[in-house]
């Protein structure tokens, strides 16, 4: 018997913000790219349709889309995270190695020196060192020309509106020629970091980290999928903030737990909403097919709108440590030990979560 051709598969990748926890994403992204390579090597039609990100997720996303090939993307990610490592003597206590980034990270941010004007500060660190780092590790010409949709988000400080910067026009989002400061804006988390000013025509707007409003930009990735009913759509969400965690024992751990709940909760809400939309669209389509004859014009229009919704399978890759010792690595731990531990864990978790899906292609 002649087998019908397999459906083409589109993948949307969603990357959260979370400081040094982004090293989990680094490892998980490399696993995803390897699986895509394997699938294409077996003759499957698989494409990375969109990559959306916030904060450190925006930086990781830029390395992926701002690369010539998937191999190049893996190389750029490795080079980026090597630049973000804060080298510390191995004989230092682990807590000291973990917390050293509070005093600055050479290729990312530095402490302000104007202590006498502390009363008027609106931020603690200077993030200008990140701009040349982005220029070194991201090919922005490649990013802007890429077939893969790239979207990062930031919050307008004055209007409170969530702004999307995309390399392609999407629904109500206009195209932007992405530059390093757009990525920086997505990671400008207050009060640690300053807002990023971006000129928009004759106007200048100031932006903070998009994670303040939404740390998991699912909708932007869904908008990028095609409407072809013969396409299989996989929305891969890298979740840095598991709902459950051990009881905090220090003020730093309390702060990290609060941030984890704040940044992770929206994802669970949005995932449930996407599942409900899938269910409702499928139900409406099935019921409409059971109605004899033609539907009334107004009802037919509503059914057509429902059919336009894209049925998406959401795969949550929960990037969390599997041992008590790994819990000691926090948002600010950019030590080589911390980054390498997360990279290895992220890759292993992503492979175990995603391989069953790729086996079904």
Protein backbone atom coordinates (compact mmCIF):
# COMPACT_ATOMS: atom_id res chain seq x y z
CA UNK A 1 0.00 0.00 0.00
CA UNK A 2 1.18 3.55 -0.75
CA UNK A 3 1.60 5.49 2.48
CA UNK A 4 0.24 9.07 2.48
CA UNK A 5 3.00 11.67 2.80
CA UNK A 6 3.77 12.73 6.37
CA UNK A 7 2.66 16.17 7.43
CA UNK A 8 5.23 18.93 7.42
CA UNK A 9 6.11 20.01 10.96
CA UNK A 10 6.52 23.59 12.11
CA UNK A 11 8.18 24.29 15.44
CA UNK A 12 7.76 27.41 17.52
CA UNK A 13 10.28 27.88 20.33
CA UNK A 14 9.46 30.05 23.35
CA UNK A 15 12.28 31.12 25.69
CA UNK A 16 11.68 32.65 29.11
CA UNK A 17 13.78 35.13 31.01
CA UNK A 18 15.56 34.10 34.20
CA UNK A 19 19.11 35.42 34.42
CA UNK A 20 21.74 32.69 34.79
CA UNK A 21 18.97 30.07 34.52
CA UNK A 22 19.17 30.78 30.79
CA UNK A 23 22.03 28.26 30.71
CA UNK A 24 19.34 25.57 31.01
CA UNK A 25 17.86 26.97 27.79
CA UNK A 26 21.29 26.92 26.16
CA UNK A 27 21.56 23.17 26.74
CA UNK A 28 17.93 22.51 25.79
CA UNK A 29 18.17 24.53 22.55
CA UNK A 30 21.19 22.53 21.42
CA UNK A 31 19.18 19.34 22.00
CA UNK A 32 16.25 20.67 19.96
CA UNK A 33 18.51 21.68 17.08
CA UNK A 34 20.13 18.24 17.10
CA UNK A 35 16.70 16.57 16.93
CA UNK A 36 15.69 18.80 14.01
CA UNK A 37 18.91 17.83 12.20
CA UNK A 38 18.19 14.14 12.80
CA UNK A 39 14.61 14.45 11.55
CA UNK A 40 15.62 16.30 8.38
CA UNK A 41 18.33 13.68 7.82
CA UNK A 42 15.62 11.02 7.84
CA UNK A 43 13.66 12.88 5.17
CA UNK A 44 11.10 14.65 7.36
CA UNK A 45 10.00 18.19 6.53
CA UNK A 46 10.73 20.06 9.75
CA UNK A 47 11.25 23.81 10.10
CA UNK A 48 11.94 26.15 12.98
CA UNK A 49 9.10 28.56 12.25
CA UNK A 50 9.54 30.99 15.12
CA UNK A 51 11.71 31.77 18.12
CA UNK A 52 10.36 34.18 20.71
CA UNK A 53 12.10 35.27 23.88
CA UNK A 54 12.31 37.58 26.86
CA UNK A 55 15.39 38.85 28.70
CA UNK A 56 18.08 36.11 28.74
CA UNK A 57 15.68 34.16 26.51
CA UNK A 58 15.84 37.02 24.00
CA UNK A 59 19.64 36.80 24.00
CA UNK A 60 19.54 33.03 23.43
CA UNK A 61 16.92 33.52 20.71
CA UNK A 62 19.08 36.07 18.92
CA UNK A 63 21.97 33.58 18.79
CA UNK A 64 19.67 30.96 17.23
CA UNK A 65 18.01 33.12 14.58
CA UNK A 66 21.09 35.27 14.00
CA UNK A 67 23.05 32.28 12.70
CA UNK A 68 23.63 30.93 9.20
CA UNK A 69 22.87 27.29 10.10
CA UNK A 70 21.80 25.18 13.06
CA UNK A 71 25.43 24.16 13.53
CA UNK A 72 26.38 27.84 13.55
CA UNK A 73 23.63 28.52 16.11
CA UNK A 74 25.08 25.90 18.47
CA UNK A 75 28.54 27.41 18.03
CA UNK A 76 27.28 30.92 18.74
CA UNK A 77 25.44 29.80 21.88
CA UNK A 78 28.56 28.06 23.20
CA UNK A 79 30.67 31.14 22.48
CA UNK A 80 28.13 33.47 24.10
CA UNK A 81 27.89 31.49 27.32
CA UNK A 82 31.65 31.17 27.50
CA UNK A 83 31.76 34.98 27.44
CA UNK A 84 29.14 35.15 30.23
CA UNK A 85 31.12 32.91 32.57
CA UNK A 86 32.43 34.63 35.68
CA UNK A 87 35.68 32.86 36.48
CA UNK A 88 36.18 32.24 40.20
CA UNK A 89 38.84 30.33 42.13
CA UNK A 90 37.71 26.75 42.79
CA UNK A 91 38.85 26.99 46.42
CA UNK A 92 36.28 29.71 47.11
CA UNK A 93 33.12 28.59 48.94
CA UNK A 94 30.29 27.78 46.53
CA UNK A 95 28.13 30.56 47.97
CA UNK A 96 30.87 33.10 47.22
CA UNK A 97 31.26 31.83 43.64
CA UNK A 98 27.51 32.03 43.20
CA UNK A 99 27.15 35.57 44.51
CA UNK A 100 30.17 37.21 42.87
CA UNK A 101 27.99 38.32 39.93
CA UNK A 102 26.35 40.80 42.32
CA UNK A 103 29.46 42.92 41.76
CA UNK A 104 29.22 42.80 37.97
CA UNK A 105 29.63 40.51 34.97
CA UNK A 106 32.31 41.83 32.58
CA UNK A 107 30.56 41.09 29.27
CA UNK A 108 27.05 41.84 30.55
CA UNK A 109 26.83 44.57 33.22
CA UNK A 110 28.93 46.56 35.68
CA UNK A 111 28.24 48.32 38.98
CA UNK A 112 27.68 52.04 38.83
CA UNK A 113 30.55 54.12 40.18
CA UNK A 114 28.68 57.35 41.01
CA UNK A 115 27.92 56.46 44.64
CA UNK A 116 27.49 60.11 45.64
CA UNK A 117 24.34 60.38 43.52
CA UNK A 118 22.78 57.22 45.00
CA UNK A 119 19.65 59.11 46.11
CA UNK A 120 18.70 59.74 42.48
CA UNK A 121 19.50 56.29 41.09
CA UNK A 122 16.84 54.48 39.08
CA UNK A 123 19.07 51.44 38.51
CA UNK A 124 22.09 49.71 40.07
CA UNK A 125 24.07 48.44 37.07
CA UNK A 126 25.28 49.71 33.69
CA UNK A 127 24.27 47.28 30.90
CA UNK A 128 26.25 48.86 28.05
CA UNK A 129 28.85 46.03 28.14
CA UNK A 130 26.16 43.72 26.73
CA UNK A 131 25.92 45.60 23.43
CA UNK A 132 29.37 44.61 22.06
CA UNK A 133 28.78 41.09 23.41
CA UNK A 134 25.62 40.82 21.32
CA UNK A 135 27.42 42.21 18.28
CA UNK A 136 30.12 39.54 18.63
CA UNK A 137 27.76 36.58 18.94
CA UNK A 138 24.75 37.50 16.81
CA UNK A 139 24.73 38.08 13.05
CA UNK A 140 22.01 40.73 12.94
CA UNK A 141 21.99 40.83 9.13
CA UNK A 142 21.28 37.09 9.14
CA UNK A 143 18.66 37.54 11.86
CA UNK A 144 16.74 40.20 9.93
CA UNK A 145 16.84 38.16 6.70
CA UNK A 146 15.97 34.83 8.33
CA UNK A 147 12.91 32.82 7.34
CA UNK A 148 12.47 32.05 11.04
CA UNK A 149 10.29 34.61 12.80
CA UNK A 150 12.10 36.32 15.68
CA UNK A 151 10.15 38.21 18.35
CA UNK A 152 11.36 39.78 21.61
CA UNK A 153 9.25 41.87 23.95
CA UNK A 154 9.78 44.86 26.22
CA UNK A 155 7.51 47.11 28.32
CA UNK A 156 7.16 50.80 27.61
CA UNK A 157 8.04 52.39 30.97
CA UNK A 158 5.63 55.30 30.61
CA UNK A 159 2.64 53.78 28.80
CA UNK A 160 2.88 50.31 30.34
CA UNK A 161 2.23 48.76 26.91
CA UNK A 162 4.01 45.53 25.96
CA UNK A 163 6.01 46.20 22.79
CA UNK A 164 6.96 43.48 20.32
CA UNK A 165 10.06 43.75 18.18
CA UNK A 166 9.81 41.29 15.28
CA UNK A 167 11.92 40.66 12.19
CA UNK A 168 8.70 40.00 10.25
CA UNK A 169 5.21 41.49 10.10
CA UNK A 170 2.83 39.45 12.24
CA UNK A 171 -0.88 40.14 12.61
CA UNK A 172 -0.84 43.50 14.45
CA UNK A 173 2.95 43.59 14.91
CA UNK A 174 4.91 45.62 12.39
CA UNK A 175 8.35 44.56 11.22
CA UNK A 176 11.37 46.04 12.99
CA UNK A 177 14.95 45.95 11.77
CA UNK A 178 16.38 44.22 14.83
CA UNK A 179 19.52 45.70 16.38
CA UNK A 180 21.42 44.94 19.62
CA UNK A 181 19.51 47.54 21.64
CA UNK A 182 16.17 45.81 20.89
CA UNK A 183 17.51 42.66 22.54
CA UNK A 184 18.96 44.72 25.39
CA UNK A 185 15.57 46.37 25.93
CA UNK A 186 13.97 42.96 26.44
CA UNK A 187 16.46 42.26 29.23
CA UNK A 188 16.35 45.63 31.00
CA UNK A 189 14.96 44.31 34.29
CA UNK A 190 14.38 47.00 36.95
CA UNK A 191 15.54 48.06 39.43
CA UNK A 192 18.82 46.27 38.74
CA UNK A 193 19.13 47.43 35.11
CA UNK A 194 18.30 50.78 33.46
CA UNK A 195 15.59 51.18 30.87
CA UNK A 196 16.77 51.10 27.26
CA UNK A 197 15.95 54.06 25.06
CA UNK A 198 14.92 53.29 21.48
CA UNK A 199 14.26 55.88 18.82
CA UNK A 200 11.06 55.27 16.91
CA UNK A 201 10.84 57.85 14.16
CA UNK A 202 10.95 61.27 15.77
CA UNK A 203 10.00 59.81 19.15
CA UNK A 204 12.20 58.15 21.78
CA UNK A 205 10.65 55.50 24.01
CA UNK A 206 12.09 53.85 27.10
CA UNK A 207 11.70 50.13 27.71
CA UNK A 208 12.04 47.65 30.56
CA UNK A 209 12.19 43.86 30.53
CA UNK A 210 9.17 42.25 28.83
CA UNK A 211 9.00 39.59 31.54
CA UNK A 212 7.44 42.15 33.88
CA UNK A 213 4.20 41.72 31.91
CA UNK A 214 4.61 38.34 30.22
CA UNK A 215 7.64 36.11 30.66
CA UNK A 216 6.39 33.48 28.20
CA UNK A 217 5.44 35.00 24.80
CA UNK A 218 3.35 32.07 23.52
CA UNK A 219 0.97 34.15 21.41
CA UNK A 220 3.77 35.61 19.29
CA UNK A 221 5.01 32.14 18.37
CA UNK A 222 1.50 30.92 17.58
CA UNK A 223 0.91 33.93 15.32
CA UNK A 224 3.96 32.92 13.29
CA UNK A 225 2.62 29.47 12.41
CA UNK A 226 1.10 28.98 8.96
CA UNK A 227 -2.66 28.45 8.60
CA UNK A 228 -2.23 25.35 6.41
CA UNK A 229 -4.47 22.62 7.87
CA UNK A 230 -2.03 19.92 6.68
CA UNK A 231 0.78 21.19 8.90
CA UNK A 232 1.65 19.77 12.29
CA UNK A 233 2.48 22.56 14.75
CA UNK A 234 4.60 22.01 17.84
CA UNK A 235 4.98 24.84 20.34
CA UNK A 236 8.04 24.09 22.48
CA UNK A 237 8.08 26.13 25.69
CA UNK A 238 11.23 26.18 27.79
CA UNK A 239 9.95 26.57 31.34
CA UNK A 240 12.54 27.86 33.80
CA UNK A 241 10.12 28.15 36.72
CA UNK A 242 8.56 24.92 38.01
CA UNK A 243 5.55 25.53 40.23
CA UNK A 244 6.86 23.43 43.10
CA UNK A 245 10.11 24.18 44.92
CA UNK A 246 11.73 23.50 48.27
CA UNK A 247 11.12 25.86 51.19
CA UNK A 248 13.45 28.92 51.08
CA UNK A 249 15.97 29.19 53.91
CA UNK A 250 17.50 32.65 53.25
CA UNK A 251 16.31 36.07 52.11
CA UNK A 252 18.04 35.55 48.74
CA UNK A 253 16.15 32.26 48.28
CA UNK A 254 12.87 33.95 49.27
CA UNK A 255 13.49 36.61 46.60
CA UNK A 256 14.25 33.95 43.98
CA UNK A 257 11.14 31.95 44.93
CA UNK A 258 8.95 35.05 44.62
CA UNK A 259 10.50 35.87 41.24
CA UNK A 260 9.97 32.28 40.12
CA UNK A 261 6.27 32.41 40.98
CA UNK A 262 5.89 35.84 39.40
CA UNK A 263 7.65 34.96 36.14
CA UNK A 264 6.33 31.41 35.80
CA UNK A 265 2.65 31.67 36.68
CA UNK A 266 1.54 33.37 33.45
CA UNK A 267 2.87 30.46 31.39
CA UNK A 268 0.52 27.98 33.02
CA UNK A 269 -2.44 30.30 32.40
CA UNK A 270 -1.54 30.83 28.74
CA UNK A 271 -0.97 27.12 28.13
CA UNK A 272 -4.38 26.27 29.53
CA UNK A 273 -5.94 29.00 27.36
CA UNK A 274 -4.26 27.59 24.23
CA UNK A 275 -5.57 24.12 25.09
CA UNK A 276 -9.11 25.48 25.50
CA UNK A 277 -8.92 27.28 22.14
CA UNK A 278 -7.76 24.05 20.50
CA UNK A 279 -10.66 22.17 22.04
CA UNK A 280 -13.27 24.78 21.14
CA UNK A 281 -12.05 25.18 17.55
CA UNK A 282 -12.07 21.41 17.01
CA UNK A 283 -15.52 21.08 18.58
CA UNK A 284 -17.01 23.89 16.49
CA UNK A 285 -15.55 22.39 13.32
CA UNK A 286 -16.94 18.94 14.15
CA UNK A 287 -20.41 20.24 15.02
CA UNK A 288 -20.59 22.37 11.87
CA UNK A 289 -19.90 19.26 9.82
CA UNK A 290 -22.93 17.52 11.35
CA UNK A 291 -25.38 20.26 10.39
CA UNK A 292 -27.33 19.37 7.22
CA UNK A 293 -27.42 22.00 4.48
CA UNK A 294 -25.89 25.42 4.64
CA UNK A 295 -25.39 27.37 7.85
CA UNK A 296 -27.01 30.81 8.28
CA UNK A 297 -24.60 33.49 6.95
CA UNK A 298 -23.75 34.96 10.36
CA UNK A 299 -23.15 31.53 11.89
CA UNK A 300 -21.13 30.42 8.86
CA UNK A 301 -18.89 33.48 9.30
CA UNK A 302 -18.26 32.63 12.96
CA UNK A 303 -17.48 29.01 12.09
CA UNK A 304 -15.00 30.20 9.44
CA UNK A 305 -13.31 32.37 12.07
CA UNK A 306 -13.10 29.40 14.43
CA UNK A 307 -11.56 27.27 11.69
CA UNK A 308 -8.89 29.93 11.21
CA UNK A 309 -7.56 29.26 14.71
CA UNK A 310 -4.35 27.27 14.50
CA UNK A 311 -4.42 23.92 16.26
CA UNK A 312 -1.17 23.75 18.18
CA UNK A 313 0.36 21.07 20.38
CA UNK A 314 2.16 22.66 23.31
CA UNK A 315 5.16 20.80 24.73
CA UNK A 316 6.45 22.14 28.02
CA UNK A 317 10.12 21.40 28.67
CA UNK A 318 10.49 21.98 32.40
CA UNK A 319 14.11 22.84 33.03
CA UNK A 320 14.78 22.05 36.66
CA UNK A 321 17.58 20.34 38.57
CA UNK A 322 17.12 16.69 39.51
CA UNK A 323 19.19 16.82 42.67
CA UNK A 324 19.19 18.76 45.90
CA UNK A 325 22.72 20.08 45.31
CA UNK A 326 21.72 21.73 42.03
CA UNK A 327 19.18 23.86 43.91
CA UNK A 328 22.08 25.97 45.12
CA UNK A 329 22.45 27.54 41.65
CA UNK A 330 20.38 30.71 41.46
CA UNK A 331 19.44 33.50 39.05
CA UNK A 332 22.78 35.22 39.59
CA UNK A 333 25.16 32.24 39.48
CA UNK A 334 27.31 32.75 36.39
CA UNK A 335 30.19 30.63 37.68
CA UNK A 336 31.57 28.12 35.17
CA UNK A 337 30.41 25.27 37.41
CA UNK A 338 26.88 26.66 37.57
CA UNK A 339 26.55 27.31 33.84
CA UNK A 340 27.98 23.94 32.84
CA UNK A 341 25.75 22.11 35.30
CA UNK A 342 22.66 23.78 33.87
CA UNK A 343 23.73 23.25 30.25
CA UNK A 344 24.14 19.52 30.78
CA UNK A 345 20.86 19.24 32.68
CA UNK A 346 18.94 21.31 30.12
CA UNK A 347 20.17 19.20 27.21
CA UNK A 348 19.28 15.93 28.97
CA UNK A 349 15.80 17.13 29.96
CA UNK A 350 15.03 18.44 26.48
CA UNK A 351 16.17 15.24 24.78
CA UNK A 352 14.04 13.04 27.05
CA UNK A 353 10.99 15.32 26.65
CA UNK A 354 11.19 16.01 22.92
CA UNK A 355 12.52 12.78 21.41
CA UNK A 356 9.16 10.94 21.76
CA UNK A 357 7.53 13.77 19.76
CA UNK A 358 10.15 13.56 17.02
CA UNK A 359 9.80 9.78 16.90
CA UNK A 360 6.18 10.34 15.81
CA UNK A 361 7.09 12.44 12.76
